[in-house]
């Protein structure tokens, strides 16, 4: 996918914006655009919904408890694996739980 504006088109657009808005408004426009881009980047960098965070914390608590690992809900583990983009193929339940927990810790969820 290429850029929307390239070289000459970008220059022409900037000249038109300068003529329409004037030199005093251009820095304000650039500042607003920069803030919008920062917010978009922050929102798209792996922030997970509250449900995913709750599920990861529940799984972490279940795995750290002294109870047997048979109490861990594997449907929950598979859902988390999907949300965290962890492959489930060819892995035992124990391996999957460990990998999902490691990925959740890596992403800062738990």
PDB file of N, CA and C in Angstrom:
ATOM      1  N   UNK A   1       0.834  -1.158   0.000  1.00  0.00           N
ATOM      2  CA  UNK A   1       0.000   0.000   0.000  1.00  0.00           C
ATOM      3  C   UNK A   1       0.889   1.236   0.000  1.00  0.00           C
ATOM      4  N   UNK A   2       0.706   2.108  -0.944  1.00  0.00           N
ATOM      5  CA  UNK A   2       1.528   3.299  -1.040  1.00  0.00           C
ATOM      6  C   UNK A   2       0.980   4.431  -0.201  1.00  0.00           C
ATOM      7  N   UNK A   3       1.743   5.493  -0.156  1.00  0.00           N
ATOM      8  CA  UNK A   3       1.319   6.665   0.589  1.00  0.00           C
ATOM      9  C   UNK A   3       0.192   7.371  -0.165  1.00  0.00           C
ATOM     10  N   UNK A   4      -0.644   8.082   0.573  1.00  0.00           N
ATOM     11  CA  UNK A   4      -1.755   8.799  -0.049  1.00  0.00           C
ATOM     12  C   UNK A   4      -1.219   9.959  -0.879  1.00  0.00           C
ATOM     13  N   UNK A   5      -0.312  10.713  -0.294  1.00  0.00           N
ATOM     14  CA  UNK A   5       0.285  11.842  -1.000  1.00  0.00           C
ATOM     15  C   UNK A   5       1.781  11.609  -1.127  1.00  0.00           C
ATOM     16  N   UNK A   6       2.313  11.913  -2.298  1.00  0.00           N
ATOM     17  CA  UNK A   6       3.744  11.761  -2.516  1.00  0.00           C
ATOM     18  C   UNK A   6       4.294  13.059  -3.075  1.00  0.00           C
ATOM     19  N   UNK A   7       5.533  13.344  -2.756  1.00  0.00           N
ATOM     20  CA  UNK A   7       6.293  14.469  -3.283  1.00  0.00           C
ATOM     21  C   UNK A   7       5.518  15.706  -3.679  1.00  0.00           C
ATOM     22  N   UNK A   8       5.221  15.830  -4.975  1.00  0.00           N
ATOM     23  CA  UNK A   8       4.583  17.043  -5.513  1.00  0.00           C
ATOM     24  C   UNK A   8       3.192  17.259  -4.937  1.00  0.00           C
ATOM     25  N   UNK A   9       2.421  16.191  -4.778  1.00  0.00           N
ATOM     26  CA  UNK A   9       1.063  16.347  -4.249  1.00  0.00           C
ATOM     27  C   UNK A   9       1.088  16.923  -2.835  1.00  0.00           C
ATOM     28  N   UNK A  10       2.014  16.469  -2.027  1.00  0.00           N
ATOM     29  CA  UNK A  10       2.138  16.954  -0.661  1.00  0.00           C
ATOM     30  C   UNK A  10       2.534  18.427  -0.644  1.00  0.00           C
ATOM     31  N   UNK A  11       3.442  18.815  -1.505  1.00  0.00           N
ATOM     32  CA  UNK A  11       3.883  20.204  -1.591  1.00  0.00           C
ATOM     33  C   UNK A  11       2.726  21.106  -2.017  1.00  0.00           C
ATOM     34  N   UNK A  12       1.972  20.675  -3.011  1.00  0.00           N
ATOM     35  CA  UNK A  12       0.822  21.458  -3.483  1.00  0.00           C
ATOM     36  C   UNK A  12      -0.218  21.584  -2.377  1.00  0.00           C
ATOM     37  N   UNK A  13      -0.471  20.513  -1.663  1.00  0.00           N
ATOM     38  CA  UNK A  13      -1.430  20.544  -0.559  1.00  0.00           C
ATOM     39  C   UNK A  13      -0.982  21.520   0.527  1.00  0.00           C
ATOM     40  N   UNK A  14       0.297  21.514   0.861  1.00  0.00           N
ATOM     41  CA  UNK A  14       0.812  22.435   1.878  1.00  0.00           C
ATOM     42  C   UNK A  14       0.700  23.890   1.446  1.00  0.00           C
ATOM     43  N   UNK A  15       0.957  24.166   0.176  1.00  0.00           N
ATOM     44  CA  UNK A  15       0.827  25.532  -0.340  1.00  0.00           C
ATOM     45  C   UNK A  15      -0.633  25.983  -0.274  1.00  0.00           C
ATOM     46  N   UNK A  16      -1.560  25.116  -0.643  1.00  0.00           N
ATOM     47  CA  UNK A  16      -2.987  25.458  -0.586  1.00  0.00           C
ATOM     48  C   UNK A  16      -3.412  25.705   0.860  1.00  0.00           C
ATOM     49  N   UNK A  17      -2.966  24.851   1.785  1.00  0.00           N
ATOM     50  CA  UNK A  17      -3.282  25.051   3.197  1.00  0.00           C
ATOM     51  C   UNK A  17      -2.712  26.373   3.708  1.00  0.00           C
ATOM     52  N   UNK A  18      -1.510  26.716   3.294  1.00  0.00           N
ATOM     53  CA  UNK A  18      -0.886  27.969   3.705  1.00  0.00           C
ATOM     54  C   UNK A  18      -1.694  29.165   3.195  1.00  0.00           C
ATOM     55  N   UNK A  19      -2.168  29.086   1.954  1.00  0.00           N
ATOM     56  CA  UNK A  19      -2.964  30.175   1.388  1.00  0.00           C
ATOM     57  C   UNK A  19      -4.321  30.297   2.074  1.00  0.00           C
ATOM     58  N   UNK A  20      -4.942  29.174   2.374  1.00  0.00           N
ATOM     59  CA  UNK A  20      -6.274  29.205   2.984  1.00  0.00           C
ATOM     60  C   UNK A  20      -6.203  29.615   4.455  1.00  0.00           C
ATOM     61  N   UNK A  21      -5.315  28.983   5.209  1.00  0.00           N
ATOM     62  CA  UNK A  21      -5.268  29.207   6.653  1.00  0.00           C
ATOM     63  C   UNK A  21      -4.370  30.359   7.068  1.00  0.00           C
ATOM     64  N   UNK A  22      -3.391  30.666   6.283  1.00  0.00           N
ATOM     65  CA  UNK A  22      -2.444  31.703   6.659  1.00  0.00           C
ATOM     66  C   UNK A  22      -1.342  31.131   7.524  1.00  0.00           C
ATOM     67  N   UNK A  23      -0.237  31.848   7.615  1.00  0.00           N
ATOM     68  CA  UNK A  23       0.922  31.343   8.349  1.00  0.00           C
ATOM     69  C   UNK A  23       0.700  31.210   9.858  1.00  0.00           C
ATOM     70  N   UNK A  24      -0.247  31.937  10.426  1.00  0.00           N
ATOM     71  CA  UNK A  24      -0.440  31.866  11.875  1.00  0.00           C
ATOM     72  C   UNK A  24      -1.209  30.611  12.305  1.00  0.00           C
ATOM     73  N   UNK A  25      -2.056  30.094  11.449  1.00  0.00           N
ATOM     74  CA  UNK A  25      -2.861  28.925  11.811  1.00  0.00           C
ATOM     75  C   UNK A  25      -2.173  27.600  11.489  1.00  0.00           C
ATOM     76  N   UNK A  26      -1.196  27.608  10.624  1.00  0.00           N
ATOM     77  CA  UNK A  26      -0.536  26.381  10.203  1.00  0.00           C
ATOM     78  C   UNK A  26       0.151  25.634  11.353  1.00  0.00           C
ATOM     79  N   UNK A  27       0.881  26.310  12.251  1.00  0.00           N
ATOM     80  CA  UNK A  27       1.481  25.584  13.375  1.00  0.00           C
ATOM     81  C   UNK A  27       0.433  24.935  14.289  1.00  0.00           C
ATOM     82  N   UNK A  28      -0.709  25.612  14.480  1.00  0.00           N
ATOM     83  CA  UNK A  28      -1.776  25.038  15.300  1.00  0.00           C
ATOM     84  C   UNK A  28      -2.340  23.780  14.647  1.00  0.00           C
ATOM     85  N   UNK A  29      -2.482  23.807  13.336  1.00  0.00           N
ATOM     86  CA  UNK A  29      -2.975  22.655  12.604  1.00  0.00           C
ATOM     87  C   UNK A  29      -1.992  21.488  12.719  1.00  0.00           C
ATOM     88  N   UNK A  30      -0.719  21.768  12.580  1.00  0.00           N
ATOM     89  CA  UNK A  30       0.306  20.726  12.685  1.00  0.00           C
ATOM     90  C   UNK A  30       0.334  20.133  14.093  1.00  0.00           C
ATOM     91  N   UNK A  31       0.197  20.984  15.110  1.00  0.00           N
ATOM     92  CA  UNK A  31       0.182  20.512  16.486  1.00  0.00           C
ATOM     93  C   UNK A  31      -1.018  19.593  16.723  1.00  0.00           C
ATOM     94  N   UNK A  32      -2.181  19.991  16.253  1.00  0.00           N
ATOM     95  CA  UNK A  32      -3.390  19.168  16.397  1.00  0.00           C
ATOM     96  C   UNK A  32      -3.253  17.836  15.679  1.00  0.00           C
ATOM     97  N   UNK A  33      -2.671  17.867  14.500  1.00  0.00           N
ATOM     98  CA  UNK A  33      -2.459  16.640  13.735  1.00  0.00           C
ATOM     99  C   UNK A  33      -1.482  15.718  14.458  1.00  0.00           C
ATOM    100  N   UNK A  34      -0.428  16.270  15.024  1.00  0.00           N
ATOM    101  CA  UNK A  34       0.543  15.476  15.779  1.00  0.00           C
ATOM    102  C   UNK A  34      -0.079  14.826  17.006  1.00  0.00           C
ATOM    103  N   UNK A  35      -0.917  15.582  17.726  1.00  0.00           N
ATOM    104  CA  UNK A  35      -1.585  15.032  18.902  1.00  0.00           C
ATOM    105  C   UNK A  35      -2.546  13.910  18.498  1.00  0.00           C
ATOM    106  N   UNK A  36      -3.268  14.099  17.412  1.00  0.00           N
ATOM    107  CA  UNK A  36      -4.197  13.073  16.935  1.00  0.00           C
ATOM    108  C   UNK A  36      -3.440  11.799  16.551  1.00  0.00           C
ATOM    109  N   UNK A  37      -2.304  11.945  15.901  1.00  0.00           N
ATOM    110  CA  UNK A  37      -1.506  10.787  15.508  1.00  0.00           C
ATOM    111  C   UNK A  37      -0.964  10.053  16.735  1.00  0.00           C
ATOM    112  N   UNK A  38      -0.522  10.811  17.753  1.00  0.00           N
ATOM    113  CA  UNK A  38      -0.033  10.202  18.988  1.00  0.00           C
ATOM    114  C   UNK A  38      -1.139   9.401  19.676  1.00  0.00           C
ATOM    115  N   UNK A  39      -2.335   9.977  19.748  1.00  0.00           N
ATOM    116  CA  UNK A  39      -3.457   9.290  20.381  1.00  0.00           C
ATOM    117  C   UNK A  39      -3.815   8.016  19.622  1.00  0.00           C
ATOM    118  N   UNK A  40      -3.808   8.086  18.304  1.00  0.00           N
ATOM    119  CA  UNK A  40      -4.111   6.909  17.493  1.00  0.00           C
ATOM    120  C   UNK A  40      -3.075   5.824  17.716  1.00  0.00           C
ATOM    121  N   UNK A  41      -1.804   6.215  17.741  1.00  0.00           N
ATOM    122  CA  UNK A  41      -0.723   5.253  17.941  1.00  0.00           C
ATOM    123  C   UNK A  41      -0.840   4.595  19.313  1.00  0.00           C
ATOM    124  N   UNK A  42      -1.136   5.408  20.335  1.00  0.00           N
ATOM    125  CA  UNK A  42      -1.273   4.891  21.687  1.00  0.00           C
ATOM    126  C   UNK A  42      -2.439   3.899  21.768  1.00  0.00           C
ATOM    127  N   UNK A  43      -3.536   4.211  21.104  1.00  0.00           N
ATOM    128  CA  UNK A  43      -4.711   3.341  21.135  1.00  0.00           C
ATOM    129  C   UNK A  43      -4.488   2.046  20.377  1.00  0.00           C
ATOM    130  N   UNK A  44      -3.633   2.066  19.376  1.00  0.00           N
ATOM    131  CA  UNK A  44      -3.440   0.868  18.562  1.00  0.00           C
ATOM    132  C   UNK A  44      -2.267   0.005  19.016  1.00  0.00           C
ATOM    133  N   UNK A  45      -1.584   0.368  20.077  1.00  0.00           N
ATOM    134  CA  UNK A  45      -0.402  -0.376  20.513  1.00  0.00           C
ATOM    135  C   UNK A  45      -0.726  -1.400  21.595  1.00  0.00           C
ATOM    136  N   UNK A  46      -1.667  -2.274  21.310  1.00  0.00           N
ATOM    137  CA  UNK A  46      -1.875  -3.418  22.181  1.00  0.00           C
ATOM    138  C   UNK A  46      -2.662  -3.154  23.443  1.00  0.00           C
ATOM    139  N   UNK A  47      -3.475  -2.136  23.487  1.00  0.00           N
ATOM    140  CA  UNK A  47      -4.345  -1.974  24.633  1.00  0.00           C
ATOM    141  C   UNK A  47      -5.469  -2.989  24.497  1.00  0.00           C
ATOM    142  N   UNK A  48      -5.719  -3.727  25.548  1.00  0.00           N
ATOM    143  CA  UNK A  48      -6.719  -4.770  25.508  1.00  0.00           C
ATOM    144  C   UNK A  48      -7.939  -4.344  26.299  1.00  0.00           C
ATOM    145  N   UNK A  49      -9.079  -4.891  25.926  1.00  0.00           N
ATOM    146  CA  UNK A  49     -10.316  -4.556  26.618  1.00  0.00           C
ATOM    147  C   UNK A  49     -10.315  -5.121  28.039  1.00  0.00           C
ATOM    148  N   UNK A  50     -11.228  -4.642  28.846  1.00  0.00           N
ATOM    149  CA  UNK A  50     -11.291  -5.039  30.251  1.00  0.00           C
ATOM    150  C   UNK A  50     -11.542  -6.540  30.405  1.00  0.00           C
ATOM    151  N   UNK A  51     -12.316  -7.127  29.483  1.00  0.00           N
ATOM    152  CA  UNK A  51     -12.597  -8.560  29.555  1.00  0.00           C
ATOM    153  C   UNK A  51     -11.312  -9.375  29.429  1.00  0.00           C
ATOM    154  N   UNK A  52     -10.465  -9.005  28.483  1.00  0.00           N
ATOM    155  CA  UNK A  52      -9.206  -9.723  28.277  1.00  0.00           C
ATOM    156  C   UNK A  52      -8.310  -9.588  29.504  1.00  0.00           C
ATOM    157  N   UNK A  53      -8.233  -8.403  30.060  1.00  0.00           N
ATOM    158  CA  UNK A  53      -7.411  -8.175  31.243  1.00  0.00           C
ATOM    159  C   UNK A  53      -7.934  -8.998  32.418  1.00  0.00           C
ATOM    160  N   UNK A  54      -9.246  -9.007  32.598  1.00  0.00           N
ATOM    161  CA  UNK A  54      -9.851  -9.788  33.679  1.00  0.00           C
ATOM    162  C   UNK A  54      -9.593 -11.277  33.518  1.00  0.00           C
ATOM    163  N   UNK A  55      -9.726 -11.766  32.292  1.00  0.00           N
ATOM    164  CA  UNK A  55      -9.485 -13.181  32.029  1.00  0.00           C
ATOM    165  C   UNK A  55      -8.033 -13.545  32.298  1.00  0.00           C
ATOM    166  N   UNK A  56      -7.110 -12.693  31.890  1.00  0.00           N
ATOM    167  CA  UNK A  56      -5.687 -12.966  32.101  1.00  0.00           C
ATOM    168  C   UNK A  56      -5.354 -12.988  33.590  1.00  0.00           C
ATOM    169  N   UNK A  57      -5.929 -12.074  34.355  1.00  0.00           N
ATOM    170  CA  UNK A  57      -5.678 -12.048  35.797  1.00  0.00           C
ATOM    171  C   UNK A  57      -6.272 -13.279  36.472  1.00  0.00           C
ATOM    172  N   UNK A  58      -7.461 -13.686  35.999  1.00  0.00           N
ATOM    173  CA  UNK A  58      -8.093 -14.881  36.556  1.00  0.00           C
ATOM    174  C   UNK A  58      -7.234 -16.124  36.276  1.00  0.00           C
ATOM    175  N   UNK A  59      -6.724 -16.223  35.064  1.00  0.00           N
ATOM    176  CA  UNK A  59      -5.866 -17.349  34.696  1.00  0.00           C
ATOM    177  C   UNK A  59      -4.580 -17.332  35.519  1.00  0.00           C
ATOM    178  N   UNK A  60      -4.007 -16.163  35.695  1.00  0.00           N
ATOM    179  CA  UNK A  60      -2.777 -16.041  36.470  1.00  0.00           C
ATOM    180  C   UNK A  60      -3.004 -16.480  37.915  1.00  0.00           C
ATOM    181  N   UNK A  61      -4.109 -16.047  38.498  1.00  0.00           N
ATOM    182  CA  UNK A  61      -4.414 -16.420  39.877  1.00  0.00           C
ATOM    183  C   UNK A  61      -4.644 -17.922  39.984  1.00  0.00           C
ATOM    184  N   UNK A  62      -5.338 -18.500  39.017  1.00  0.00           N
ATOM    185  CA  UNK A  62      -5.605 -19.943  39.043  1.00  0.00           C
ATOM    186  C   UNK A  62      -4.319 -20.742  38.891  1.00  0.00           C
ATOM    187  N   UNK A  63      -3.407 -20.267  38.068  1.00  0.00           N
ATOM    188  CA  UNK A  63      -2.161 -21.015  37.858  1.00  0.00           C
ATOM    189  C   UNK A  63      -1.211 -20.889  39.039  1.00  0.00           C
ATOM    190  N   UNK A  64      -1.313 -19.802  39.796  1.00  0.00           N
ATOM    191  CA  UNK A  64      -0.424 -19.598  40.937  1.00  0.00           C
ATOM    192  C   UNK A  64      -0.962 -20.212  42.221  1.00  0.00           C
ATOM    193  N   UNK A  65      -2.258 -20.581  42.208  1.00  0.00           N
ATOM    194  CA  UNK A  65      -2.840 -21.141  43.430  1.00  0.00           C
ATOM    195  C   UNK A  65      -2.274 -22.536  43.691  1.00  0.00           C
ATOM    196  N   UNK A  66      -2.422 -22.973  44.894  1.00  0.00           N
ATOM    197  CA  UNK A  66      -1.885 -24.284  45.272  1.00  0.00           C
ATOM    198  C   UNK A  66      -2.771 -25.429  44.793  1.00  0.00           C
ATOM    199  N   UNK A  67      -3.930 -25.080  44.214  1.00  0.00           N
ATOM    200  CA  UNK A  67      -4.833 -26.108  43.711  1.00  0.00           C
ATOM    201  C   UNK A  67      -4.239 -26.729  42.445  1.00  0.00           C
ATOM    202  N   UNK A  68      -4.784 -27.861  42.068  1.00  0.00           N
ATOM    203  CA  UNK A  68      -4.272 -28.546  40.878  1.00  0.00           C
ATOM    204  C   UNK A  68      -4.615 -27.761  39.617  1.00  0.00           C
ATOM    205  N   UNK A  69      -3.852 -27.982  38.569  1.00  0.00           N
ATOM    206  CA  UNK A  69      -4.058 -27.262  37.321  1.00  0.00           C
ATOM    207  C   UNK A  69      -5.320 -27.713  36.597  1.00  0.00           C
ATOM    208  N   UNK A  70      -5.992 -28.757  37.098  1.00  0.00           N
ATOM    209  CA  UNK A  70      -7.229 -29.207  36.458  1.00  0.00           C
ATOM    210  C   UNK A  70      -8.361 -28.215  36.672  1.00  0.00           C
ATOM    211  N   UNK A  71      -8.200 -27.270  37.598  1.00  0.00           N
ATOM    212  CA  UNK A  71      -9.233 -26.269  37.848  1.00  0.00           C
ATOM    213  C   UNK A  71      -9.186 -25.122  36.848  1.00  0.00           C
ATOM    214  N   UNK A  72      -8.185 -25.087  35.989  1.00  0.00           N
ATOM    215  CA  UNK A  72      -8.056 -24.010  35.012  1.00  0.00           C
ATOM    216  C   UNK A  72      -9.012 -24.267  33.859  1.00  0.00           C
ATOM    217  N   UNK A  73      -9.792 -23.272  33.508  1.00  0.00           N
ATOM    218  CA  UNK A  73     -10.764 -23.367  32.419  1.00  0.00           C
ATOM    219  C   UNK A  73     -10.024 -23.250  31.085  1.00  0.00           C
ATOM    220  N   UNK A  74      -9.910 -24.342  30.358  1.00  0.00           N
ATOM    221  CA  UNK A  74      -9.145 -24.349  29.110  1.00  0.00           C
ATOM    222  C   UNK A  74      -9.833 -23.556  28.001  1.00  0.00           C
ATOM    223  N   UNK A  75     -11.164 -23.410  28.077  1.00  0.00           N
ATOM    224  CA  UNK A  75     -11.844 -22.550  27.103  1.00  0.00           C
ATOM    225  C   UNK A  75     -11.366 -21.106  27.266  1.00  0.00           C
ATOM    226  N   UNK A  76     -11.213 -20.694  28.513  1.00  0.00           N
ATOM    227  CA  UNK A  76     -10.697 -19.363  28.813  1.00  0.00           C
ATOM    228  C   UNK A  76      -9.276 -19.212  28.280  1.00  0.00           C
ATOM    229  N   UNK A  77      -8.463 -20.235  28.468  1.00  0.00           N
ATOM    230  CA  UNK A  77      -7.075 -20.200  27.993  1.00  0.00           C
ATOM    231  C   UNK A  77      -7.045 -20.068  26.467  1.00  0.00           C
ATOM    232  N   UNK A  78      -7.896 -20.821  25.781  1.00  0.00           N
ATOM    233  CA  UNK A  78      -7.927 -20.755  24.315  1.00  0.00           C
ATOM    234  C   UNK A  78      -8.400 -19.387  23.814  1.00  0.00           C
ATOM    235  N   UNK A  79      -9.388 -18.801  24.498  1.00  0.00           N
ATOM    236  CA  UNK A  79      -9.855 -17.451  24.127  1.00  0.00           C
ATOM    237  C   UNK A  79      -8.724 -16.438  24.290  1.00  0.00           C
ATOM    238  N   UNK A  80      -8.032 -16.525  25.417  1.00  0.00           N
ATOM    239  CA  UNK A  80      -6.907 -15.618  25.657  1.00  0.00           C
ATOM    240  C   UNK A  80      -5.803 -15.835  24.628  1.00  0.00           C
ATOM    241  N   UNK A  81      -5.536 -17.096  24.299  1.00  0.00           N
ATOM    242  CA  UNK A  81      -4.504 -17.391  23.302  1.00  0.00           C
ATOM    243  C   UNK A  81      -4.864 -16.738  21.977  1.00  0.00           C
ATOM    244  N   UNK A  82      -6.118 -16.803  21.616  1.00  0.00           N
ATOM    245  CA  UNK A  82      -6.566 -16.182  20.367  1.00  0.00           C
ATOM    246  C   UNK A  82      -6.387 -14.665  20.410  1.00  0.00           C
ATOM    247  N   UNK A  83      -6.793 -14.045  21.508  1.00  0.00           N
ATOM    248  CA  UNK A  83      -6.683 -12.586  21.635  1.00  0.00           C
ATOM    249  C   UNK A  83      -5.230 -12.124  21.686  1.00  0.00           C
ATOM    250  N   UNK A  84      -4.372 -12.958  22.259  1.00  0.00           N
ATOM    251  CA  UNK A  84      -2.956 -12.601  22.382  1.00  0.00           C
ATOM    252  C   UNK A  84      -2.116 -13.117  21.216  1.00  0.00           C
ATOM    253  N   UNK A  85      -2.781 -13.729  20.239  1.00  0.00           N
ATOM    254  CA  UNK A  85      -2.129 -14.251  19.036  1.00  0.00           C
ATOM    255  C   UNK A  85      -1.082 -15.316  19.373  1.00  0.00           C
ATOM    256  N   UNK A  86      -1.472 -16.253  20.241  1.00  0.00           N
ATOM    257  CA  UNK A  86      -0.628 -17.384  20.606  1.00  0.00           C
ATOM    258  C   UNK A  86      -1.189 -18.614  19.903  1.00  0.00           C
ATOM    259  N   UNK A  87      -0.342 -19.338  19.199  1.00  0.00           N
ATOM    260  CA  UNK A  87      -0.770 -20.537  18.493  1.00  0.00           C
ATOM    261  C   UNK A  87      -1.077 -21.654  19.490  1.00  0.00           C
ATOM    262  N   UNK A  88      -2.177 -22.372  19.248  1.00  0.00           N
ATOM    263  CA  UNK A  88      -2.570 -23.463  20.139  1.00  0.00           C
ATOM    264  C   UNK A  88      -2.248 -24.833  19.566  1.00  0.00           C
ATOM    265  N   UNK A  89      -1.788 -24.888  18.342  1.00  0.00           N
ATOM    266  CA  UNK A  89      -1.566 -26.171  17.661  1.00  0.00           C
ATOM    267  C   UNK A  89      -0.392 -26.938  18.272  1.00  0.00           C
ATOM    268  N   UNK A  90      -0.648 -28.223  18.554  1.00  0.00           N
ATOM    269  CA  UNK A  90       0.403 -29.127  19.006  1.00  0.00           C
ATOM    270  C   UNK A  90       0.941 -28.863  20.395  1.00  0.00           C
ATOM    271  N   UNK A  91       0.193 -28.152  21.225  1.00  0.00           N
ATOM    272  CA  UNK A  91       0.671 -27.834  22.570  1.00  0.00           C
ATOM    273  C   UNK A  91      -0.212 -28.510  23.609  1.00  0.00           C
ATOM    274  N   UNK A  92       0.412 -28.974  24.663  1.00  0.00           N
ATOM    275  CA  UNK A  92      -0.363 -29.536  25.768  1.00  0.00           C
ATOM    276  C   UNK A  92      -1.022 -28.379  26.523  1.00  0.00           C
ATOM    277  N   UNK A  93      -1.990 -28.722  27.374  1.00  0.00           N
ATOM    278  CA  UNK A  93      -2.685 -27.688  28.148  1.00  0.00           C
ATOM    279  C   UNK A  93      -1.708 -26.900  29.011  1.00  0.00           C
ATOM    280  N   UNK A  94      -0.772 -27.599  29.627  1.00  0.00           N
ATOM    281  CA  UNK A  94       0.203 -26.948  30.496  1.00  0.00           C
ATOM    282  C   UNK A  94       1.093 -25.994  29.707  1.00  0.00           C
ATOM    283  N   UNK A  95       1.555 -26.435  28.547  1.00  0.00           N
ATOM    284  CA  UNK A  95       2.397 -25.571  27.700  1.00  0.00           C
ATOM    285  C   UNK A  95       1.627 -24.339  27.253  1.00  0.00           C
ATOM    286  N   UNK A  96       0.356 -24.544  26.892  1.00  0.00           N
ATOM    287  CA  UNK A  96      -0.464 -23.428  26.422  1.00  0.00           C
ATOM    288  C   UNK A  96      -0.684 -22.406  27.533  1.00  0.00           C
ATOM    289  N   UNK A  97      -0.978 -22.894  28.736  1.00  0.00           N
ATOM    290  CA  UNK A  97      -1.173 -21.985  29.866  1.00  0.00           C
ATOM    291  C   UNK A  97       0.092 -21.168  30.111  1.00  0.00           C
ATOM    292  N   UNK A  98       1.245 -21.833  30.122  1.00  0.00           N
ATOM    293  CA  UNK A  98       2.509 -21.131  30.362  1.00  0.00           C
ATOM    294  C   UNK A  98       2.780 -20.077  29.289  1.00  0.00           C
ATOM    295  N   UNK A  99       2.524 -20.445  28.027  1.00  0.00           N
ATOM    296  CA  UNK A  99       2.792 -19.510  26.937  1.00  0.00           C
ATOM    297  C   UNK A  99       1.843 -18.317  26.967  1.00  0.00           C
ATOM    298  N   UNK A 100       0.565 -18.567  27.270  1.00  0.00           N
ATOM    299  CA  UNK A 100      -0.411 -17.474  27.347  1.00  0.00           C
ATOM    300  C   UNK A 100      -0.047 -16.530  28.486  1.00  0.00           C
ATOM    301  N   UNK A 101       0.321 -17.095  29.631  1.00  0.00           N
ATOM    302  CA  UNK A 101       0.721 -16.250  30.762  1.00  0.00           C
ATOM    303  C   UNK A 101       1.974 -15.437  30.434  1.00  0.00           C
ATOM    304  N   UNK A 102       2.935 -16.057  29.765  1.00  0.00           N
ATOM    305  CA  UNK A 102       4.161 -15.343  29.396  1.00  0.00           C
ATOM    306  C   UNK A 102       3.844 -14.187  28.442  1.00  0.00           C
ATOM    307  N   UNK A 103       2.968 -14.438  27.479  1.00  0.00           N
ATOM    308  CA  UNK A 103       2.607 -13.392  26.508  1.00  0.00           C
ATOM    309  C   UNK A 103       1.848 -12.266  27.199  1.00  0.00           C
ATOM    310  N   UNK A 104       0.939 -12.602  28.140  1.00  0.00           N
ATOM    311  CA  UNK A 104       0.188 -11.587  28.865  1.00  0.00           C
ATOM    312  C   UNK A 104       1.130 -10.733  29.703  1.00  0.00           C
ATOM    313  N   UNK A 105       2.130 -11.353  30.311  1.00  0.00           N
ATOM    314  CA  UNK A 105       3.107 -10.582  31.104  1.00  0.00           C
ATOM    315  C   UNK A 105       3.960  -9.709  30.198  1.00  0.00           C
ATOM    316  N   UNK A 106       4.322 -10.241  29.034  1.00  0.00           N
ATOM    317  CA  UNK A 106       5.119  -9.480  28.062  1.00  0.00           C
ATOM    318  C   UNK A 106       4.370  -8.239  27.586  1.00  0.00           C
ATOM    319  N   UNK A 107       3.059  -8.383  27.397  1.00  0.00           N
ATOM    320  CA  UNK A 107       2.229  -7.263  26.920  1.00  0.00           C
ATOM    321  C   UNK A 107       1.841  -6.313  28.054  1.00  0.00           C
ATOM    322  N   UNK A 108       2.177  -6.670  29.304  1.00  0.00           N
ATOM    323  CA  UNK A 108       1.861  -5.804  30.434  1.00  0.00           C
ATOM    324  C   UNK A 108       0.428  -5.906  30.902  1.00  0.00           C
ATOM    325  N   UNK A 109      -0.253  -6.992  30.547  1.00  0.00           N
ATOM    326  CA  UNK A 109      -1.650  -7.164  30.954  1.00  0.00           C
ATOM    327  C   UNK A 109      -1.719  -7.616  32.407  1.00  0.00           C
ATOM    328  N   UNK A 110      -0.797  -8.491  32.797  1.00  0.00           N
ATOM    329  CA  UNK A 110      -0.761  -8.955  34.191  1.00  0.00           C
ATOM    330  C   UNK A 110       0.619  -8.725  34.767  1.00  0.00           C
TER     331      UNK A 110
END
